[in-house]
């Protein structure tokens, strides 16, 4: 996870093979390397080669898996014996 992997979510809109005017949604999610996203690229290449529904669009959202720690500030400071 320290090598730049991110959680990648892709919303894929594709056309129905029998009714090209109808769009369907498919959601793909996996860990992938930014900014080239080789896993997603491989999946989309597989889709275009083997599946009948032509792609319309792909939206990508990413989130770093490991981030710097956050320490909330405290409102009380006291001594405990």
PDB file of N, CA and C in Angstrom:
ATOM      1  N   UNK A   1       0.812  -1.196   0.000  1.00  0.00           N
ATOM      2  CA  UNK A   1       0.000   0.000   0.000  1.00  0.00           C
ATOM      3  C   UNK A   1       0.857   1.262   0.000  1.00  0.00           C
ATOM      4  N   UNK A   2       2.104   1.136   0.404  1.00  0.00           N
ATOM      5  CA  UNK A   2       2.966   2.307   0.439  1.00  0.00           C
ATOM      6  C   UNK A   2       3.528   2.655  -0.934  1.00  0.00           C
ATOM      7  N   UNK A   3       3.323   1.810  -1.921  1.00  0.00           N
ATOM      8  CA  UNK A   3       3.877   2.047  -3.249  1.00  0.00           C
ATOM      9  C   UNK A   3       3.000   2.927  -4.122  1.00  0.00           C
ATOM     10  N   UNK A   4       2.040   3.612  -3.564  1.00  0.00           N
ATOM     11  CA  UNK A   4       1.180   4.490  -4.348  1.00  0.00           C
ATOM     12  C   UNK A   4      -0.154   3.888  -4.732  1.00  0.00           C
ATOM     13  N   UNK A   5      -0.484   2.739  -4.169  1.00  0.00           N
ATOM     14  CA  UNK A   5      -1.785   2.142  -4.470  1.00  0.00           C
ATOM     15  C   UNK A   5      -2.900   2.995  -3.886  1.00  0.00           C
ATOM     16  N   UNK A   6      -3.987   3.029  -4.599  1.00  0.00           N
ATOM     17  CA  UNK A   6      -5.185   3.736  -4.162  1.00  0.00           C
ATOM     18  C   UNK A   6      -6.394   2.837  -4.355  1.00  0.00           C
ATOM     19  N   UNK A   7      -7.429   3.106  -3.592  1.00  0.00           N
ATOM     20  CA  UNK A   7      -8.702   2.443  -3.830  1.00  0.00           C
ATOM     21  C   UNK A   7      -9.365   3.190  -4.982  1.00  0.00           C
ATOM     22  N   UNK A   8      -9.611   2.492  -6.071  1.00  0.00           N
ATOM     23  CA  UNK A   8     -10.157   3.112  -7.281  1.00  0.00           C
ATOM     24  C   UNK A   8     -11.557   2.571  -7.508  1.00  0.00           C
ATOM     25  N   UNK A   9     -12.500   3.476  -7.694  1.00  0.00           N
ATOM     26  CA  UNK A   9     -13.866   3.118  -8.030  1.00  0.00           C
ATOM     27  C   UNK A   9     -14.172   3.722  -9.391  1.00  0.00           C
ATOM     28  N   UNK A  10     -14.608   2.896 -10.321  1.00  0.00           N
ATOM     29  CA  UNK A  10     -14.944   3.364 -11.665  1.00  0.00           C
ATOM     30  C   UNK A  10     -16.418   3.092 -11.934  1.00  0.00           C
ATOM     31  N   UNK A  11     -17.130   4.134 -12.331  1.00  0.00           N
ATOM     32  CA  UNK A  11     -18.519   3.990 -12.763  1.00  0.00           C
ATOM     33  C   UNK A  11     -18.493   3.910 -14.282  1.00  0.00           C
ATOM     34  N   UNK A  12     -18.882   2.778 -14.806  1.00  0.00           N
ATOM     35  CA  UNK A  12     -18.808   2.530 -16.242  1.00  0.00           C
ATOM     36  C   UNK A  12     -20.222   2.563 -16.809  1.00  0.00           C
ATOM     37  N   UNK A  13     -20.448   3.471 -17.756  1.00  0.00           N
ATOM     38  CA  UNK A  13     -21.712   3.504 -18.479  1.00  0.00           C
ATOM     39  C   UNK A  13     -21.491   2.825 -19.817  1.00  0.00           C
ATOM     40  N   UNK A  14     -22.369   1.889 -20.145  1.00  0.00           N
ATOM     41  CA  UNK A  14     -22.248   1.178 -21.409  1.00  0.00           C
ATOM     42  C   UNK A  14     -23.619   1.028 -22.048  1.00  0.00           C
ATOM     43  N   UNK A  15     -23.612   0.823 -23.342  1.00  0.00           N
ATOM     44  CA  UNK A  15     -24.864   0.674 -24.089  1.00  0.00           C
ATOM     45  C   UNK A  15     -25.287  -0.796 -24.109  1.00  0.00           C
ATOM     46  N   UNK A  16     -26.574  -1.018 -24.014  1.00  0.00           N
ATOM     47  CA  UNK A  16     -27.108  -2.379 -24.104  1.00  0.00           C
ATOM     48  C   UNK A  16     -26.881  -2.898 -25.529  1.00  0.00           C
ATOM     49  N   UNK A  17     -26.408  -4.125 -25.675  1.00  0.00           N
ATOM     50  CA  UNK A  17     -26.122  -4.643 -27.020  1.00  0.00           C
ATOM     51  C   UNK A  17     -27.350  -4.674 -27.942  1.00  0.00           C
ATOM     52  N   UNK A  18     -28.521  -5.005 -27.395  1.00  0.00           N
ATOM     53  CA  UNK A  18     -29.732  -5.115 -28.221  1.00  0.00           C
ATOM     54  C   UNK A  18     -30.451  -3.781 -28.399  1.00  0.00           C
ATOM     55  N   UNK A  19     -30.227  -2.830 -27.477  1.00  0.00           N
ATOM     56  CA  UNK A  19     -30.897  -1.526 -27.515  1.00  0.00           C
ATOM     57  C   UNK A  19     -29.843  -0.452 -27.259  1.00  0.00           C
ATOM     58  N   UNK A  20     -29.210   0.013 -28.325  1.00  0.00           N
ATOM     59  CA  UNK A  20     -28.079   0.938 -28.183  1.00  0.00           C
ATOM     60  C   UNK A  20     -28.471   2.286 -27.593  1.00  0.00           C
ATOM     61  N   UNK A  21     -29.761   2.586 -27.544  1.00  0.00           N
ATOM     62  CA  UNK A  21     -30.212   3.839 -26.952  1.00  0.00           C
ATOM     63  C   UNK A  21     -30.343   3.781 -25.438  1.00  0.00           C
ATOM     64  N   UNK A  22     -30.166   2.590 -24.855  1.00  0.00           N
ATOM     65  CA  UNK A  22     -30.321   2.392 -23.414  1.00  0.00           C
ATOM     66  C   UNK A  22     -28.943   2.244 -22.775  1.00  0.00           C
ATOM     67  N   UNK A  23     -28.703   3.022 -21.705  1.00  0.00           N
ATOM     68  CA  UNK A  23     -27.440   2.948 -20.980  1.00  0.00           C
ATOM     69  C   UNK A  23     -27.610   2.142 -19.700  1.00  0.00           C
ATOM     70  N   UNK A  24     -26.620   1.348 -19.381  1.00  0.00           N
ATOM     71  CA  UNK A  24     -26.558   0.593 -18.128  1.00  0.00           C
ATOM     72  C   UNK A  24     -25.336   1.060 -17.353  1.00  0.00           C
ATOM     73  N   UNK A  25     -25.332   0.810 -16.052  1.00  0.00           N
ATOM     74  CA  UNK A  25     -24.214   1.191 -15.193  1.00  0.00           C
ATOM     75  C   UNK A  25     -23.569  -0.060 -14.611  1.00  0.00           C
ATOM     76  N   UNK A  26     -22.237  -0.041 -14.568  1.00  0.00           N
ATOM     77  CA  UNK A  26     -21.467  -1.093 -13.923  1.00  0.00           C
ATOM     78  C   UNK A  26     -20.438  -0.406 -13.039  1.00  0.00           C
ATOM     79  N   UNK A  27     -20.273  -0.871 -11.810  1.00  0.00           N
ATOM     80  CA  UNK A  27     -19.299  -0.279 -10.895  1.00  0.00           C
ATOM     81  C   UNK A  27     -18.164  -1.272 -10.677  1.00  0.00           C
ATOM     82  N   UNK A  28     -16.949  -0.810 -10.912  1.00  0.00           N
ATOM     83  CA  UNK A  28     -15.730  -1.609 -10.727  1.00  0.00           C
ATOM     84  C   UNK A  28     -14.922  -0.979  -9.614  1.00  0.00           C
ATOM     85  N   UNK A  29     -14.405  -1.790  -8.688  1.00  0.00           N
ATOM     86  CA  UNK A  29     -13.623  -1.253  -7.575  1.00  0.00           C
ATOM     87  C   UNK A  29     -12.479  -2.209  -7.262  1.00  0.00           C
ATOM     88  N   UNK A  30     -11.270  -1.638  -7.125  1.00  0.00           N
ATOM     89  CA  UNK A  30     -10.092  -2.432  -6.813  1.00  0.00           C
ATOM     90  C   UNK A  30      -8.977  -1.482  -6.391  1.00  0.00           C
ATOM     91  N   UNK A  31      -7.880  -2.041  -5.909  1.00  0.00           N
ATOM     92  CA  UNK A  31      -6.699  -1.247  -5.600  1.00  0.00           C
ATOM     93  C   UNK A  31      -5.866  -1.146  -6.867  1.00  0.00           C
ATOM     94  N   UNK A  32      -5.405   0.073  -7.176  1.00  0.00           N
ATOM     95  CA  UNK A  32      -4.668   0.291  -8.411  1.00  0.00           C
ATOM     96  C   UNK A  32      -3.656   1.408  -8.212  1.00  0.00           C
ATOM     97  N   UNK A  33      -2.703   1.478  -9.123  1.00  0.00           N
ATOM     98  CA  UNK A  33      -1.646   2.482  -9.044  1.00  0.00           C
ATOM     99  C   UNK A  33      -2.021   3.726  -9.835  1.00  0.00           C
ATOM    100  N   UNK A  34      -1.978   4.874  -9.168  1.00  0.00           N
ATOM    101  CA  UNK A  34      -2.230   6.144  -9.847  1.00  0.00           C
ATOM    102  C   UNK A  34      -0.921   6.618 -10.453  1.00  0.00           C
ATOM    103  N   UNK A  35      -0.889   7.379 -11.502  1.00  0.00           N
ATOM    104  CA  UNK A  35      -2.013   7.936 -12.261  1.00  0.00           C
ATOM    105  C   UNK A  35      -2.381   7.128 -13.503  1.00  0.00           C
ATOM    106  N   UNK A  36      -1.658   6.046 -13.797  1.00  0.00           N
ATOM    107  CA  UNK A  36      -1.933   5.301 -15.040  1.00  0.00           C
ATOM    108  C   UNK A  36      -3.039   4.258 -14.893  1.00  0.00           C
ATOM    109  N   UNK A  37      -3.283   3.774 -13.696  1.00  0.00           N
ATOM    110  CA  UNK A  37      -4.321   2.785 -13.405  1.00  0.00           C
ATOM    111  C   UNK A  37      -4.223   1.565 -14.327  1.00  0.00           C
ATOM    112  N   UNK A  38      -3.146   0.789 -14.208  1.00  0.00           N
ATOM    113  CA  UNK A  38      -2.973  -0.369 -15.098  1.00  0.00           C
ATOM    114  C   UNK A  38      -4.047  -1.446 -14.914  1.00  0.00           C
ATOM    115  N   UNK A  39      -4.532  -1.646 -13.709  1.00  0.00           N
ATOM    116  CA  UNK A  39      -5.584  -2.642 -13.477  1.00  0.00           C
ATOM    117  C   UNK A  39      -6.884  -2.260 -14.163  1.00  0.00           C
ATOM    118  N   UNK A  40      -7.277  -1.006 -14.026  1.00  0.00           N
ATOM    119  CA  UNK A  40      -8.506  -0.531 -14.678  1.00  0.00           C
ATOM    120  C   UNK A  40      -8.342  -0.551 -16.188  1.00  0.00           C
ATOM    121  N   UNK A  41      -7.183  -0.144 -16.681  1.00  0.00           N
ATOM    122  CA  UNK A  41      -6.943  -0.157 -18.131  1.00  0.00           C
ATOM    123  C   UNK A  41      -7.044  -1.572 -18.685  1.00  0.00           C
ATOM    124  N   UNK A  42      -6.496  -2.536 -17.958  1.00  0.00           N
ATOM    125  CA  UNK A  42      -6.563  -3.939 -18.385  1.00  0.00           C
ATOM    126  C   UNK A  42      -8.013  -4.428 -18.403  1.00  0.00           C
ATOM    127  N   UNK A  43      -8.785  -4.048 -17.374  1.00  0.00           N
ATOM    128  CA  UNK A  43     -10.188  -4.447 -17.316  1.00  0.00           C
ATOM    129  C   UNK A  43     -10.979  -3.834 -18.472  1.00  0.00           C
ATOM    130  N   UNK A  44     -10.755  -2.553 -18.772  1.00  0.00           N
ATOM    131  CA  UNK A  44     -11.481  -1.902 -19.864  1.00  0.00           C
ATOM    132  C   UNK A  44     -11.086  -2.489 -21.224  1.00  0.00           C
ATOM    133  N   UNK A  45      -9.817  -2.862 -21.389  1.00  0.00           N
ATOM    134  CA  UNK A  45      -9.391  -3.508 -22.640  1.00  0.00           C
ATOM    135  C   UNK A  45     -10.081  -4.862 -22.791  1.00  0.00           C
ATOM    136  N   UNK A  46     -10.180  -5.608 -21.685  1.00  0.00           N
ATOM    137  CA  UNK A  46     -10.897  -6.884 -21.714  1.00  0.00           C
ATOM    138  C   UNK A  46     -12.362  -6.663 -22.089  1.00  0.00           C
ATOM    139  N   UNK A  47     -12.975  -5.630 -21.506  1.00  0.00           N
ATOM    140  CA  UNK A  47     -14.380  -5.319 -21.780  1.00  0.00           C
ATOM    141  C   UNK A  47     -14.581  -5.068 -23.274  1.00  0.00           C
ATOM    142  N   UNK A  48     -13.753  -4.202 -23.837  1.00  0.00           N
ATOM    143  CA  UNK A  48     -13.923  -3.843 -25.245  1.00  0.00           C
ATOM    144  C   UNK A  48     -13.677  -5.031 -26.175  1.00  0.00           C
ATOM    145  N   UNK A  49     -12.806  -5.937 -25.781  1.00  0.00           N
ATOM    146  CA  UNK A  49     -12.479  -7.086 -26.633  1.00  0.00           C
ATOM    147  C   UNK A  49     -13.513  -8.203 -26.541  1.00  0.00           C
ATOM    148  N   UNK A  50     -14.050  -8.465 -25.326  1.00  0.00           N
ATOM    149  CA  UNK A  50     -14.857  -9.666 -25.110  1.00  0.00           C
ATOM    150  C   UNK A  50     -16.343  -9.441 -24.846  1.00  0.00           C
ATOM    151  N   UNK A  51     -16.753  -8.239 -24.512  1.00  0.00           N
ATOM    152  CA  UNK A  51     -18.160  -8.011 -24.185  1.00  0.00           C
ATOM    153  C   UNK A  51     -18.849  -7.236 -25.302  1.00  0.00           C
ATOM    154  N   UNK A  52     -20.152  -7.462 -25.447  1.00  0.00           N
ATOM    155  CA  UNK A  52     -20.899  -6.864 -26.549  1.00  0.00           C
ATOM    156  C   UNK A  52     -21.310  -5.417 -26.299  1.00  0.00           C
ATOM    157  N   UNK A  53     -21.509  -5.033 -25.047  1.00  0.00           N
ATOM    158  CA  UNK A  53     -21.995  -3.691 -24.748  1.00  0.00           C
ATOM    159  C   UNK A  53     -20.897  -2.644 -24.922  1.00  0.00           C
ATOM    160  N   UNK A  54     -21.012  -1.766 -25.937  1.00  0.00           N
ATOM    161  CA  UNK A  54     -19.966  -0.755 -26.139  1.00  0.00           C
ATOM    162  C   UNK A  54     -19.940   0.263 -24.999  1.00  0.00           C
ATOM    163  N   UNK A  55     -18.747   0.689 -24.638  1.00  0.00           N
ATOM    164  CA  UNK A  55     -18.585   1.662 -23.557  1.00  0.00           C
ATOM    165  C   UNK A  55     -19.076   3.036 -23.991  1.00  0.00           C
ATOM    166  N   UNK A  56     -19.730   3.723 -23.063  1.00  0.00           N
ATOM    167  CA  UNK A  56     -20.166   5.095 -23.294  1.00  0.00           C
ATOM    168  C   UNK A  56     -19.236   6.069 -22.580  1.00  0.00           C
ATOM    169  N   UNK A  57     -19.020   5.828 -21.270  1.00  0.00           N
ATOM    170  CA  UNK A  57     -18.139   6.705 -20.495  1.00  0.00           C
ATOM    171  C   UNK A  57     -17.687   5.992 -19.230  1.00  0.00           C
ATOM    172  N   UNK A  58     -16.601   6.512 -18.655  1.00  0.00           N
ATOM    173  CA  UNK A  58     -16.046   5.962 -17.420  1.00  0.00           C
ATOM    174  C   UNK A  58     -15.702   7.128 -16.509  1.00  0.00           C
ATOM    175  N   UNK A  59     -16.232   7.107 -15.276  1.00  0.00           N
ATOM    176  CA  UNK A  59     -15.878   8.104 -14.260  1.00  0.00           C
ATOM    177  C   UNK A  59     -15.080   7.408 -13.173  1.00  0.00           C
ATOM    178  N   UNK A  60     -14.009   8.071 -12.730  1.00  0.00           N
ATOM    179  CA  UNK A  60     -13.108   7.463 -11.754  1.00  0.00           C
ATOM    180  C   UNK A  60     -13.070   8.305 -10.491  1.00  0.00           C
ATOM    181  N   UNK A  61     -13.123   7.626  -9.342  1.00  0.00           N
ATOM    182  CA  UNK A  61     -12.922   8.267  -8.040  1.00  0.00           C
ATOM    183  C   UNK A  61     -11.839   7.467  -7.320  1.00  0.00           C
ATOM    184  N   UNK A  62     -10.914   8.171  -6.661  1.00  0.00           N
ATOM    185  CA  UNK A  62      -9.829   7.486  -5.966  1.00  0.00           C
ATOM    186  C   UNK A  62      -9.720   7.987  -4.537  1.00  0.00           C
ATOM    187  N   UNK A  63      -9.146   7.146  -3.695  1.00  0.00           N
ATOM    188  CA  UNK A  63      -8.908   7.493  -2.294  1.00  0.00           C
ATOM    189  C   UNK A  63      -7.626   6.814  -1.862  1.00  0.00           C
ATOM    190  N   UNK A  64      -6.700   7.598  -1.301  1.00  0.00           N
ATOM    191  CA  UNK A  64      -5.478   7.014  -0.773  1.00  0.00           C
ATOM    192  C   UNK A  64      -5.826   6.076   0.374  1.00  0.00           C
ATOM    193  N   UNK A  65      -5.178   4.941   0.425  1.00  0.00           N
ATOM    194  CA  UNK A  65      -5.474   3.950   1.450  1.00  0.00           C
ATOM    195  C   UNK A  65      -4.739   4.293   2.742  1.00  0.00           C
ATOM    196  N   UNK A  66      -3.481   4.644   2.621  1.00  0.00           N
ATOM    197  CA  UNK A  66      -2.695   5.009   3.791  1.00  0.00           C
ATOM    198  C   UNK A  66      -2.439   6.509   3.737  1.00  0.00           C
ATOM    199  N   UNK A  67      -2.894   7.216   4.772  1.00  0.00           N
ATOM    200  CA  UNK A  67      -2.741   8.668   4.835  1.00  0.00           C
ATOM    201  C   UNK A  67      -2.032   9.036   6.127  1.00  0.00           C
ATOM    202  N   UNK A  68      -1.514  10.241   6.202  1.00  0.00           N
ATOM    203  CA  UNK A  68      -0.892  10.664   7.460  1.00  0.00           C
ATOM    204  C   UNK A  68      -1.903  10.617   8.610  1.00  0.00           C
ATOM    205  N   UNK A  69      -1.415  10.292   9.776  1.00  0.00           N
ATOM    206  CA  UNK A  69      -2.300  10.212  10.946  1.00  0.00           C
ATOM    207  C   UNK A  69      -2.828  11.593  11.302  1.00  0.00           C
ATOM    208  N   UNK A  70      -4.050  11.611  11.782  1.00  0.00           N
ATOM    209  CA  UNK A  70      -4.660  12.863  12.223  1.00  0.00           C
ATOM    210  C   UNK A  70      -4.882  12.791  13.725  1.00  0.00           C
ATOM    211  N   UNK A  71      -4.479  13.825  14.412  1.00  0.00           N
ATOM    212  CA  UNK A  71      -4.667  13.897  15.848  1.00  0.00           C
ATOM    213  C   UNK A  71      -5.625  15.039  16.157  1.00  0.00           C
ATOM    214  N   UNK A  72      -6.796  14.732  16.694  1.00  0.00           N
ATOM    215  CA  UNK A  72      -7.735  15.806  17.022  1.00  0.00           C
ATOM    216  C   UNK A  72      -7.236  16.603  18.231  1.00  0.00           C
ATOM    217  N   UNK A  73      -7.524  17.866  18.202  1.00  0.00           N
ATOM    218  CA  UNK A  73      -7.142  18.717  19.325  1.00  0.00           C
ATOM    219  C   UNK A  73      -8.084  18.475  20.503  1.00  0.00           C
ATOM    220  N   UNK A  74      -7.553  18.582  21.691  1.00  0.00           N
ATOM    221  CA  UNK A  74      -8.363  18.371  22.881  1.00  0.00           C
ATOM    222  C   UNK A  74      -8.802  19.710  23.457  1.00  0.00           C
ATOM    223  N   UNK A  75      -9.936  19.699  24.134  1.00  0.00           N
ATOM    224  CA  UNK A  75     -10.432  20.914  24.770  1.00  0.00           C
ATOM    225  C   UNK A  75     -10.190  20.902  26.266  1.00  0.00           C
ATOM    226  N   UNK A  76      -9.659  19.805  26.828  1.00  0.00           N
ATOM    227  CA  UNK A  76      -9.429  19.718  28.257  1.00  0.00           C
ATOM    228  C   UNK A  76      -8.019  19.208  28.499  1.00  0.00           C
ATOM    229  N   UNK A  77      -7.327  19.899  29.380  1.00  0.00           N
ATOM    230  CA  UNK A  77      -6.015  19.451  29.804  1.00  0.00           C
ATOM    231  C   UNK A  77      -6.048  19.437  31.327  1.00  0.00           C
ATOM    232  N   UNK A  78      -5.724  18.295  31.917  1.00  0.00           N
ATOM    233  CA  UNK A  78      -5.757  18.195  33.373  1.00  0.00           C
ATOM    234  C   UNK A  78      -4.719  17.214  33.862  1.00  0.00           C
ATOM    235  N   UNK A  79      -4.609  17.130  35.165  1.00  0.00           N
ATOM    236  CA  UNK A  79      -3.657  16.210  35.794  1.00  0.00           C
ATOM    237  C   UNK A  79      -4.447  15.087  36.434  1.00  0.00           C
ATOM    238  N   UNK A  80      -4.034  13.872  36.178  1.00  0.00           N
ATOM    239  CA  UNK A  80      -4.671  12.702  36.763  1.00  0.00           C
ATOM    240  C   UNK A  80      -3.622  12.004  37.601  1.00  0.00           C
ATOM    241  N   UNK A  81      -3.954  11.759  38.891  1.00  0.00           N
ATOM    242  CA  UNK A  81      -2.982  11.097  39.789  1.00  0.00           C
ATOM    243  C   UNK A  81      -3.148   9.622  39.751  1.00  0.00           C
TER     244      UNK A  81
END
